[in-house]
């Protein structure tokens, strides 16, 4: 985990690194740092609550999964 403290400010900066290389349906590589790995794990866990999400919540979750390359652009995470 990369944590930086700005000496002129009273806050900490956490850096998340997630790099997805490859197309959906093909072999892809994902490179992450510790914070990025934790974030991906939390997003994956959130999928268990997909059916209980509001319609707009599911749309946002689908968009996140599309950005990560888990599903294609016109696909949804789960049909309800």
C-alpha atoms as a PDB file:
ATOM      1  CA  UNK A   1       0.000   0.000   0.000  1.00  0.00           C
ATOM      2  CA  UNK A   2       1.292   3.414  -0.915  1.00  0.00           C
ATOM      3  CA  UNK A   3       0.382   6.004   1.656  1.00  0.00           C
ATOM      4  CA  UNK A   4       1.638   9.528   1.418  1.00  0.00           C
ATOM      5  CA  UNK A   5       1.329  12.396   3.828  1.00  0.00           C
ATOM      6  CA  UNK A   6       1.578  15.919   2.519  1.00  0.00           C
ATOM      7  CA  UNK A   7       3.756  17.894   4.966  1.00  0.00           C
ATOM      8  CA  UNK A   8       1.746  21.050   4.227  1.00  0.00           C
ATOM      9  CA  UNK A   9      -1.624  19.427   4.795  1.00  0.00           C
ATOM     10  CA  UNK A  10      -3.134  17.340   7.529  1.00  0.00           C
ATOM     11  CA  UNK A  11      -4.365  14.379   5.481  1.00  0.00           C
ATOM     12  CA  UNK A  12      -3.188  11.069   4.042  1.00  0.00           C
ATOM     13  CA  UNK A  13      -3.397  10.034   0.388  1.00  0.00           C
ATOM     14  CA  UNK A  14      -4.175   6.383  -0.397  1.00  0.00           C
ATOM     15  CA  UNK A  15      -3.341   5.245  -3.916  1.00  0.00           C
ATOM     16  CA  UNK A  16      -5.430   2.581  -5.650  1.00  0.00           C
ATOM     17  CA  UNK A  17      -3.872   0.913  -8.685  1.00  0.00           C
ATOM     18  CA  UNK A  18      -6.016  -1.285 -10.930  1.00  0.00           C
ATOM     19  CA  UNK A  19      -4.933  -2.062 -14.486  1.00  0.00           C
ATOM     20  CA  UNK A  20      -7.001  -4.397 -16.660  1.00  0.00           C
ATOM     21  CA  UNK A  21      -5.454  -5.488 -19.940  1.00  0.00           C
ATOM     22  CA  UNK A  22      -7.343  -7.608 -22.463  1.00  0.00           C
ATOM     23  CA  UNK A  23     -10.834  -7.949 -23.879  1.00  0.00           C
ATOM     24  CA  UNK A  24     -13.915  -9.553 -22.378  1.00  0.00           C
ATOM     25  CA  UNK A  25     -14.133 -13.253 -23.169  1.00  0.00           C
ATOM     26  CA  UNK A  26     -10.414 -13.482 -23.804  1.00  0.00           C
ATOM     27  CA  UNK A  27      -7.553 -13.946 -21.429  1.00  0.00           C
ATOM     28  CA  UNK A  28      -6.878 -10.751 -19.557  1.00  0.00           C
ATOM     29  CA  UNK A  29      -4.424  -9.652 -16.945  1.00  0.00           C
ATOM     30  CA  UNK A  30      -5.230  -7.561 -13.913  1.00  0.00           C
ATOM     31  CA  UNK A  31      -2.492  -5.739 -12.039  1.00  0.00           C
ATOM     32  CA  UNK A  32      -3.258  -4.176  -8.676  1.00  0.00           C
ATOM     33  CA  UNK A  33      -1.529  -2.862  -5.610  1.00  0.00           C
ATOM     34  CA  UNK A  34      -2.732  -3.882  -2.133  1.00  0.00           C
ATOM     35  CA  UNK A  35      -5.387  -1.152  -1.982  1.00  0.00           C
ATOM     36  CA  UNK A  36      -6.588  -1.970  -5.522  1.00  0.00           C
ATOM     37  CA  UNK A  37      -6.860  -5.639  -4.589  1.00  0.00           C
ATOM     38  CA  UNK A  38      -8.931  -4.768  -1.536  1.00  0.00           C
ATOM     39  CA  UNK A  39     -11.199  -2.541  -3.653  1.00  0.00           C
ATOM     40  CA  UNK A  40     -11.755  -5.317  -6.238  1.00  0.00           C
ATOM     41  CA  UNK A  41     -12.549  -7.737  -3.422  1.00  0.00           C
ATOM     42  CA  UNK A  42     -15.126  -5.352  -1.953  1.00  0.00           C
ATOM     43  CA  UNK A  43     -16.739  -4.757  -5.362  1.00  0.00           C
ATOM     44  CA  UNK A  44     -16.971  -8.516  -5.884  1.00  0.00           C
ATOM     45  CA  UNK A  45     -18.537  -8.986  -2.433  1.00  0.00           C
ATOM     46  CA  UNK A  46     -21.054  -6.249  -3.233  1.00  0.00           C
ATOM     47  CA  UNK A  47     -22.346  -8.430  -6.061  1.00  0.00           C
ATOM     48  CA  UNK A  48     -23.992 -10.678  -3.456  1.00  0.00           C
ATOM     49  CA  UNK A  49     -26.413  -7.795  -2.744  1.00  0.00           C
ATOM     50  CA  UNK A  50     -27.179  -7.114  -6.418  1.00  0.00           C
ATOM     51  CA  UNK A  51     -30.801  -8.324  -6.182  1.00  0.00           C
ATOM     52  CA  UNK A  52     -31.479  -6.006  -3.231  1.00  0.00           C
ATOM     53  CA  UNK A  53     -30.020  -2.927  -4.926  1.00  0.00           C
ATOM     54  CA  UNK A  54     -32.238  -0.222  -6.335  1.00  0.00           C
ATOM     55  CA  UNK A  55     -32.498   0.033 -10.104  1.00  0.00           C
ATOM     56  CA  UNK A  56     -30.012   2.925 -10.159  1.00  0.00           C
ATOM     57  CA  UNK A  57     -27.684   1.012  -7.817  1.00  0.00           C
ATOM     58  CA  UNK A  58     -27.655  -1.946 -10.209  1.00  0.00           C
ATOM     59  CA  UNK A  59     -26.927   0.399 -13.124  1.00  0.00           C
ATOM     60  CA  UNK A  60     -23.921   1.830 -11.291  1.00  0.00           C
ATOM     61  CA  UNK A  61     -22.709  -1.658 -10.321  1.00  0.00           C
ATOM     62  CA  UNK A  62     -23.069  -2.815 -13.948  1.00  0.00           C
ATOM     63  CA  UNK A  63     -21.047   0.187 -15.123  1.00  0.00           C
ATOM     64  CA  UNK A  64     -18.284  -0.568 -12.612  1.00  0.00           C
ATOM     65  CA  UNK A  65     -18.163  -4.198 -13.780  1.00  0.00           C
ATOM     66  CA  UNK A  66     -18.044  -3.024 -17.408  1.00  0.00           C
ATOM     67  CA  UNK A  67     -15.103  -0.729 -16.623  1.00  0.00           C
ATOM     68  CA  UNK A  68     -13.306  -3.645 -14.991  1.00  0.00           C
ATOM     69  CA  UNK A  69     -13.960  -5.822 -18.052  1.00  0.00           C
ATOM     70  CA  UNK A  70     -16.002  -8.387 -16.130  1.00  0.00           C
ATOM     71  CA  UNK A  71     -19.027  -7.903 -18.388  1.00  0.00           C
ATOM     72  CA  UNK A  72     -19.452  -6.398 -21.855  1.00  0.00           C
ATOM     73  CA  UNK A  73     -20.807  -2.913 -22.465  1.00  0.00           C
ATOM     74  CA  UNK A  74     -24.403  -3.986 -23.210  1.00  0.00           C
ATOM     75  CA  UNK A  75     -24.520  -6.733 -20.578  1.00  0.00           C
ATOM     76  CA  UNK A  76     -25.872  -6.629 -17.031  1.00  0.00           C
ATOM     77  CA  UNK A  77     -24.328  -8.426 -14.052  1.00  0.00           C
ATOM     78  CA  UNK A  78     -27.495 -10.430 -13.362  1.00  0.00           C
ATOM     79  CA  UNK A  79     -30.923 -10.619 -15.002  1.00  0.00           C
ATOM     80  CA  UNK A  80     -33.674  -9.835 -12.496  1.00  0.00           C
END
